């Protein structure tokens, strides 16, 4: 009987204990962290204004939880930014370092969000792809979509334009239910 009371007391202490959520650095109670609506999101939404401003000037500001830290570190190297997928995306050192730190801190390997965990589970140890579309999990999720709906679709052009089909991509939601391929009805695929 005494052991039962000890377990209950310990459980109550754990539930009431504040924790730091690695995904947003704010202290909150264990139960609110465990059951929060934000934790049910697919990928942590972008919350850094400088990253959003700099990167979305040219493309969708990909959530840090879509790649592991090693990938972001490679992508954010000055040499890589000089030739960023055919474009010059050089940044001053202070901005580059700030963005690299933000991306690394919230990368897929440091996230507890659903999609980030699935991304990491699909990668081999040490694997650091430079393109999100090269991640095995992402490839599998898109492998049955006909070419005419993506590459041959002028409204989409490539899988790298996530927000063209994933209507809630900016909010970190990549759920199949939120997909709308421009120019096609849901039943077409």
C-alpha atoms as a PDB file:
ATOM      1  CA  UNK A   1       0.000   0.000   0.000  1.00  0.00           C
ATOM      2  CA  UNK A   2       2.814   2.428   0.850  1.00  0.00           C
ATOM      3  CA  UNK A   3       4.552   1.668  -2.449  1.00  0.00           C
ATOM      4  CA  UNK A   4       1.338   2.533  -4.297  1.00  0.00           C
ATOM      5  CA  UNK A   5       1.221   5.947  -2.593  1.00  0.00           C
ATOM      6  CA  UNK A   6       4.874   6.582  -3.456  1.00  0.00           C
ATOM      7  CA  UNK A   7       4.191   5.831  -7.133  1.00  0.00           C
ATOM      8  CA  UNK A   8       1.166   8.134  -7.168  1.00  0.00           C
ATOM      9  CA  UNK A   9       3.129  10.927  -5.479  1.00  0.00           C
ATOM     10  CA  UNK A  10       5.984  10.507  -7.940  1.00  0.00           C
ATOM     11  CA  UNK A  11       3.591  10.520 -10.907  1.00  0.00           C
ATOM     12  CA  UNK A  12       1.870  13.681  -9.640  1.00  0.00           C
ATOM     13  CA  UNK A  13       5.250  15.388  -9.219  1.00  0.00           C
ATOM     14  CA  UNK A  14       6.293  14.489 -12.770  1.00  0.00           C
ATOM     15  CA  UNK A  15       3.026  15.758 -14.245  1.00  0.00           C
ATOM     16  CA  UNK A  16       3.255  19.043 -12.335  1.00  0.00           C
ATOM     17  CA  UNK A  17       6.956  19.481 -13.109  1.00  0.00           C
ATOM     18  CA  UNK A  18       7.832  22.254 -15.566  1.00  0.00           C
ATOM     19  CA  UNK A  19       9.768  21.191 -18.643  1.00  0.00           C
ATOM     20  CA  UNK A  20      11.568  23.086 -21.341  1.00  0.00           C
ATOM     21  CA  UNK A  21      10.115  22.231 -24.718  1.00  0.00           C
ATOM     22  CA  UNK A  22      13.061  21.748 -27.094  1.00  0.00           C
ATOM     23  CA  UNK A  23      10.915  22.916 -29.987  1.00  0.00           C
ATOM     24  CA  UNK A  24      10.208  26.394 -28.669  1.00  0.00           C
ATOM     25  CA  UNK A  25      12.354  26.945 -25.574  1.00  0.00           C
ATOM     26  CA  UNK A  26       9.502  27.995 -23.332  1.00  0.00           C
ATOM     27  CA  UNK A  27       8.892  26.476 -19.937  1.00  0.00           C
ATOM     28  CA  UNK A  28       5.525  24.846 -19.478  1.00  0.00           C
ATOM     29  CA  UNK A  29       3.923  22.061 -17.481  1.00  0.00           C
ATOM     30  CA  UNK A  30       4.428  18.470 -18.577  1.00  0.00           C
ATOM     31  CA  UNK A  31       0.742  17.885 -19.305  1.00  0.00           C
ATOM     32  CA  UNK A  32       0.359  21.040 -21.394  1.00  0.00           C
ATOM     33  CA  UNK A  33       3.494  20.057 -23.328  1.00  0.00           C
ATOM     34  CA  UNK A  34       2.253  16.498 -23.827  1.00  0.00           C
ATOM     35  CA  UNK A  35      -1.237  17.444 -24.979  1.00  0.00           C
ATOM     36  CA  UNK A  36      -0.676  20.824 -26.611  1.00  0.00           C
ATOM     37  CA  UNK A  37      -2.192  21.504 -30.013  1.00  0.00           C
ATOM     38  CA  UNK A  38       1.161  22.788 -31.271  1.00  0.00           C
ATOM     39  CA  UNK A  39       2.838  19.423 -30.603  1.00  0.00           C
ATOM     40  CA  UNK A  40       0.341  17.755 -32.915  1.00  0.00           C
ATOM     41  CA  UNK A  41       1.544  19.837 -35.849  1.00  0.00           C
ATOM     42  CA  UNK A  42       3.417  17.946 -38.480  1.00  0.00           C
ATOM     43  CA  UNK A  43       6.558  20.118 -38.434  1.00  0.00           C
ATOM     44  CA  UNK A  44       7.409  23.101 -36.244  1.00  0.00           C
ATOM     45  CA  UNK A  45       6.411  26.254 -38.171  1.00  0.00           C
ATOM     46  CA  UNK A  46       9.093  28.814 -38.972  1.00  0.00           C
ATOM     47  CA  UNK A  47       9.249  31.338 -36.128  1.00  0.00           C
ATOM     48  CA  UNK A  48      12.466  33.216 -36.876  1.00  0.00           C
ATOM     49  CA  UNK A  49      11.777  36.539 -38.614  1.00  0.00           C
ATOM     50  CA  UNK A  50      15.274  36.953 -40.057  1.00  0.00           C
ATOM     51  CA  UNK A  51      15.271  33.452 -41.573  1.00  0.00           C
ATOM     52  CA  UNK A  52      11.754  34.013 -42.920  1.00  0.00           C
ATOM     53  CA  UNK A  53      12.713  37.363 -44.435  1.00  0.00           C
ATOM     54  CA  UNK A  54      16.013  36.278 -46.012  1.00  0.00           C
ATOM     55  CA  UNK A  55      15.054  32.872 -47.361  1.00  0.00           C
ATOM     56  CA  UNK A  56      11.458  33.458 -48.412  1.00  0.00           C
ATOM     57  CA  UNK A  57      12.655  36.288 -50.658  1.00  0.00           C
ATOM     58  CA  UNK A  58      13.559  33.552 -53.175  1.00  0.00           C
ATOM     59  CA  UNK A  59      11.653  30.403 -52.153  1.00  0.00           C
ATOM     60  CA  UNK A  60       9.375  28.847 -49.565  1.00  0.00           C
ATOM     61  CA  UNK A  61      11.047  29.182 -46.148  1.00  0.00           C
ATOM     62  CA  UNK A  62      11.437  25.483 -45.392  1.00  0.00           C
ATOM     63  CA  UNK A  63      10.889  24.481 -41.791  1.00  0.00           C
ATOM     64  CA  UNK A  64      14.123  23.518 -40.012  1.00  0.00           C
ATOM     65  CA  UNK A  65      12.489  20.205 -39.030  1.00  0.00           C
ATOM     66  CA  UNK A  66      12.554  19.043 -42.647  1.00  0.00           C
ATOM     67  CA  UNK A  67      16.316  18.355 -42.617  1.00  0.00           C
ATOM     68  CA  UNK A  68      18.851  17.152 -40.052  1.00  0.00           C
ATOM     69  CA  UNK A  69      21.341  19.566 -38.506  1.00  0.00           C
ATOM     70  CA  UNK A  70      24.231  18.271 -40.660  1.00  0.00           C
ATOM     71  CA  UNK A  71      22.262  19.140 -43.817  1.00  0.00           C
ATOM     72  CA  UNK A  72      21.535  22.683 -42.642  1.00  0.00           C
ATOM     73  CA  UNK A  73      25.169  23.199 -41.651  1.00  0.00           C
ATOM     74  CA  UNK A  74      26.312  22.130 -45.148  1.00  0.00           C
ATOM     75  CA  UNK A  75      23.712  24.339 -46.831  1.00  0.00           C
ATOM     76  CA  UNK A  76      24.648  27.373 -44.751  1.00  0.00           C
ATOM     77  CA  UNK A  77      28.387  27.263 -45.449  1.00  0.00           C
ATOM     78  CA  UNK A  78      29.586  30.395 -47.310  1.00  0.00           C
ATOM     79  CA  UNK A  79      30.718  28.298 -50.309  1.00  0.00           C
ATOM     80  CA  UNK A  80      27.328  26.580 -50.495  1.00  0.00           C
ATOM     81  CA  UNK A  81      25.516  29.910 -50.347  1.00  0.00           C
ATOM     82  CA  UNK A  82      27.638  31.280 -53.215  1.00  0.00           C
ATOM     83  CA  UNK A  83      26.115  28.559 -55.411  1.00  0.00           C
ATOM     84  CA  UNK A  84      22.802  27.794 -53.711  1.00  0.00           C
ATOM     85  CA  UNK A  85      21.181  25.471 -56.257  1.00  0.00           C
ATOM     86  CA  UNK A  86      22.350  27.694 -59.109  1.00  0.00           C
ATOM     87  CA  UNK A  87      21.731  31.026 -57.354  1.00  0.00           C
ATOM     88  CA  UNK A  88      23.966  33.312 -55.318  1.00  0.00           C
ATOM     89  CA  UNK A  89      22.453  33.452 -51.826  1.00  0.00           C
ATOM     90  CA  UNK A  90      25.418  34.955 -49.993  1.00  0.00           C
ATOM     91  CA  UNK A  91      24.673  36.574 -46.642  1.00  0.00           C
ATOM     92  CA  UNK A  92      26.700  38.795 -44.361  1.00  0.00           C
ATOM     93  CA  UNK A  93      28.429  36.681 -41.700  1.00  0.00           C
ATOM     94  CA  UNK A  94      26.224  37.799 -38.805  1.00  0.00           C
ATOM     95  CA  UNK A  95      23.017  36.964 -40.693  1.00  0.00           C
ATOM     96  CA  UNK A  96      24.425  33.686 -42.002  1.00  0.00           C
ATOM     97  CA  UNK A  97      25.474  32.594 -38.512  1.00  0.00           C
ATOM     98  CA  UNK A  98      22.106  33.585 -37.010  1.00  0.00           C
ATOM     99  CA  UNK A  99      20.183  31.585 -39.616  1.00  0.00           C
ATOM    100  CA  UNK A 100      22.521  28.588 -39.361  1.00  0.00           C
ATOM    101  CA  UNK A 101      22.103  28.555 -35.572  1.00  0.00           C
ATOM    102  CA  UNK A 102      18.309  28.767 -35.868  1.00  0.00           C
ATOM    103  CA  UNK A 103      18.145  25.954 -38.441  1.00  0.00           C
ATOM    104  CA  UNK A 104      20.498  23.706 -36.456  1.00  0.00           C
ATOM    105  CA  UNK A 105      18.666  24.291 -33.171  1.00  0.00           C
ATOM    106  CA  UNK A 106      15.297  23.292 -34.655  1.00  0.00           C
ATOM    107  CA  UNK A 107      16.482  20.651 -37.147  1.00  0.00           C
ATOM    108  CA  UNK A 108      14.702  17.329 -37.662  1.00  0.00           C
ATOM    109  CA  UNK A 109      17.112  15.446 -35.424  1.00  0.00           C
ATOM    110  CA  UNK A 110      16.325  17.794 -32.530  1.00  0.00           C
ATOM    111  CA  UNK A 111      12.563  17.952 -33.029  1.00  0.00           C
ATOM    112  CA  UNK A 112       9.747  15.930 -31.507  1.00  0.00           C
ATOM    113  CA  UNK A 113       7.261  16.869 -34.216  1.00  0.00           C
ATOM    114  CA  UNK A 114       5.607  14.015 -36.096  1.00  0.00           C
ATOM    115  CA  UNK A 115       6.973  14.602 -39.605  1.00  0.00           C
ATOM    116  CA  UNK A 116      10.472  15.435 -38.386  1.00  0.00           C
ATOM    117  CA  UNK A 117      10.666  12.125 -36.512  1.00  0.00           C
ATOM    118  CA  UNK A 118       9.568  10.237 -39.643  1.00  0.00           C
ATOM    119  CA  UNK A 119      12.165  12.070 -41.718  1.00  0.00           C
ATOM    120  CA  UNK A 120      14.938  11.095 -39.298  1.00  0.00           C
ATOM    121  CA  UNK A 121      13.759   7.484 -39.134  1.00  0.00           C
ATOM    122  CA  UNK A 122      14.120   7.219 -42.926  1.00  0.00           C
ATOM    123  CA  UNK A 123      17.732   8.440 -42.987  1.00  0.00           C
ATOM    124  CA  UNK A 124      20.780   6.261 -42.457  1.00  0.00           C
ATOM    125  CA  UNK A 125      23.121   7.267 -39.662  1.00  0.00           C
ATOM    126  CA  UNK A 126      25.188  10.261 -40.745  1.00  0.00           C
ATOM    127  CA  UNK A 127      23.171  10.837 -43.905  1.00  0.00           C
ATOM    128  CA  UNK A 128      22.832  14.568 -44.632  1.00  0.00           C
ATOM    129  CA  UNK A 129      20.929  15.238 -47.867  1.00  0.00           C
ATOM    130  CA  UNK A 130      21.060  18.768 -49.263  1.00  0.00           C
ATOM    131  CA  UNK A 131      17.593  18.579 -50.778  1.00  0.00           C
ATOM    132  CA  UNK A 132      14.427  17.785 -48.873  1.00  0.00           C
ATOM    133  CA  UNK A 133      13.159  15.898 -51.920  1.00  0.00           C
ATOM    134  CA  UNK A 134      16.142  13.493 -51.535  1.00  0.00           C
ATOM    135  CA  UNK A 135      14.963  12.274 -48.125  1.00  0.00           C
ATOM    136  CA  UNK A 136      13.709   8.664 -48.430  1.00  0.00           C
ATOM    137  CA  UNK A 137      10.544   9.394 -46.437  1.00  0.00           C
ATOM    138  CA  UNK A 138       9.665  12.383 -48.640  1.00  0.00           C
ATOM    139  CA  UNK A 139      10.362  10.345 -51.796  1.00  0.00           C
ATOM    140  CA  UNK A 140       8.036   7.570 -50.603  1.00  0.00           C
ATOM    141  CA  UNK A 141       5.265  10.042 -49.803  1.00  0.00           C
ATOM    142  CA  UNK A 142       5.399  11.428 -53.358  1.00  0.00           C
ATOM    143  CA  UNK A 143       6.349   8.397 -55.475  1.00  0.00           C
ATOM    144  CA  UNK A 144       2.836   7.653 -56.752  1.00  0.00           C
ATOM    145  CA  UNK A 145       2.079  11.179 -57.941  1.00  0.00           C
ATOM    146  CA  UNK A 146       2.109  11.260 -61.756  1.00  0.00           C
ATOM    147  CA  UNK A 147       4.693  13.484 -63.464  1.00  0.00           C
ATOM    148  CA  UNK A 148       1.895  15.435 -65.204  1.00  0.00           C
ATOM    149  CA  UNK A 149       0.728  16.716 -61.821  1.00  0.00           C
ATOM    150  CA  UNK A 150       4.128  17.993 -60.683  1.00  0.00           C
ATOM    151  CA  UNK A 151       6.895  18.548 -63.255  1.00  0.00           C
ATOM    152  CA  UNK A 152       4.577  18.985 -66.225  1.00  0.00           C
ATOM    153  CA  UNK A 153       2.229  21.209 -64.207  1.00  0.00           C
ATOM    154  CA  UNK A 154       3.141  24.892 -64.747  1.00  0.00           C
ATOM    155  CA  UNK A 155       1.447  25.742 -61.446  1.00  0.00           C
ATOM    156  CA  UNK A 156       3.750  23.402 -59.486  1.00  0.00           C
ATOM    157  CA  UNK A 157       6.925  22.664 -61.543  1.00  0.00           C
ATOM    158  CA  UNK A 158       8.793  20.572 -58.936  1.00  0.00           C
ATOM    159  CA  UNK A 159       8.413  18.791 -55.604  1.00  0.00           C
ATOM    160  CA  UNK A 160      10.588  21.473 -54.014  1.00  0.00           C
ATOM    161  CA  UNK A 161       7.668  23.923 -54.184  1.00  0.00           C
ATOM    162  CA  UNK A 162       5.973  22.357 -51.141  1.00  0.00           C
ATOM    163  CA  UNK A 163       3.518  25.201 -50.611  1.00  0.00           C
ATOM    164  CA  UNK A 164       2.051  24.842 -54.115  1.00  0.00           C
ATOM    165  CA  UNK A 165       0.209  21.655 -53.111  1.00  0.00           C
ATOM    166  CA  UNK A 166       0.407  21.582 -49.317  1.00  0.00           C
ATOM    167  CA  UNK A 167      -2.056  24.348 -48.510  1.00  0.00           C
ATOM    168  CA  UNK A 168      -1.002  24.586 -44.848  1.00  0.00           C
ATOM    169  CA  UNK A 169       2.755  24.170 -45.415  1.00  0.00           C
ATOM    170  CA  UNK A 170       3.635  27.523 -43.845  1.00  0.00           C
ATOM    171  CA  UNK A 171       1.896  26.408 -40.643  1.00  0.00           C
ATOM    172  CA  UNK A 172       3.959  23.204 -40.646  1.00  0.00           C
ATOM    173  CA  UNK A 173       1.100  20.971 -41.787  1.00  0.00           C
ATOM    174  CA  UNK A 174       1.973  18.508 -44.548  1.00  0.00           C
ATOM    175  CA  UNK A 175      -0.912  16.143 -43.861  1.00  0.00           C
ATOM    176  CA  UNK A 176      -2.370  14.399 -46.918  1.00  0.00           C
ATOM    177  CA  UNK A 177      -5.786  15.925 -46.186  1.00  0.00           C
ATOM    178  CA  UNK A 178      -4.454  19.434 -46.823  1.00  0.00           C
ATOM    179  CA  UNK A 179      -3.021  18.606 -50.265  1.00  0.00           C
ATOM    180  CA  UNK A 180      -4.571  20.329 -53.276  1.00  0.00           C
ATOM    181  CA  UNK A 181      -2.635  19.947 -56.535  1.00  0.00           C
ATOM    182  CA  UNK A 182      -3.293  23.071 -58.642  1.00  0.00           C
ATOM    183  CA  UNK A 183      -5.352  22.226 -61.703  1.00  0.00           C
ATOM    184  CA  UNK A 184      -6.517  18.843 -60.354  1.00  0.00           C
ATOM    185  CA  UNK A 185      -9.382  17.632 -58.230  1.00  0.00           C
ATOM    186  CA  UNK A 186      -8.700  15.306 -55.299  1.00  0.00           C
ATOM    187  CA  UNK A 187     -10.299  12.358 -57.125  1.00  0.00           C
ATOM    188  CA  UNK A 188      -7.925  12.787 -60.104  1.00  0.00           C
ATOM    189  CA  UNK A 189      -5.163  11.109 -58.163  1.00  0.00           C
END
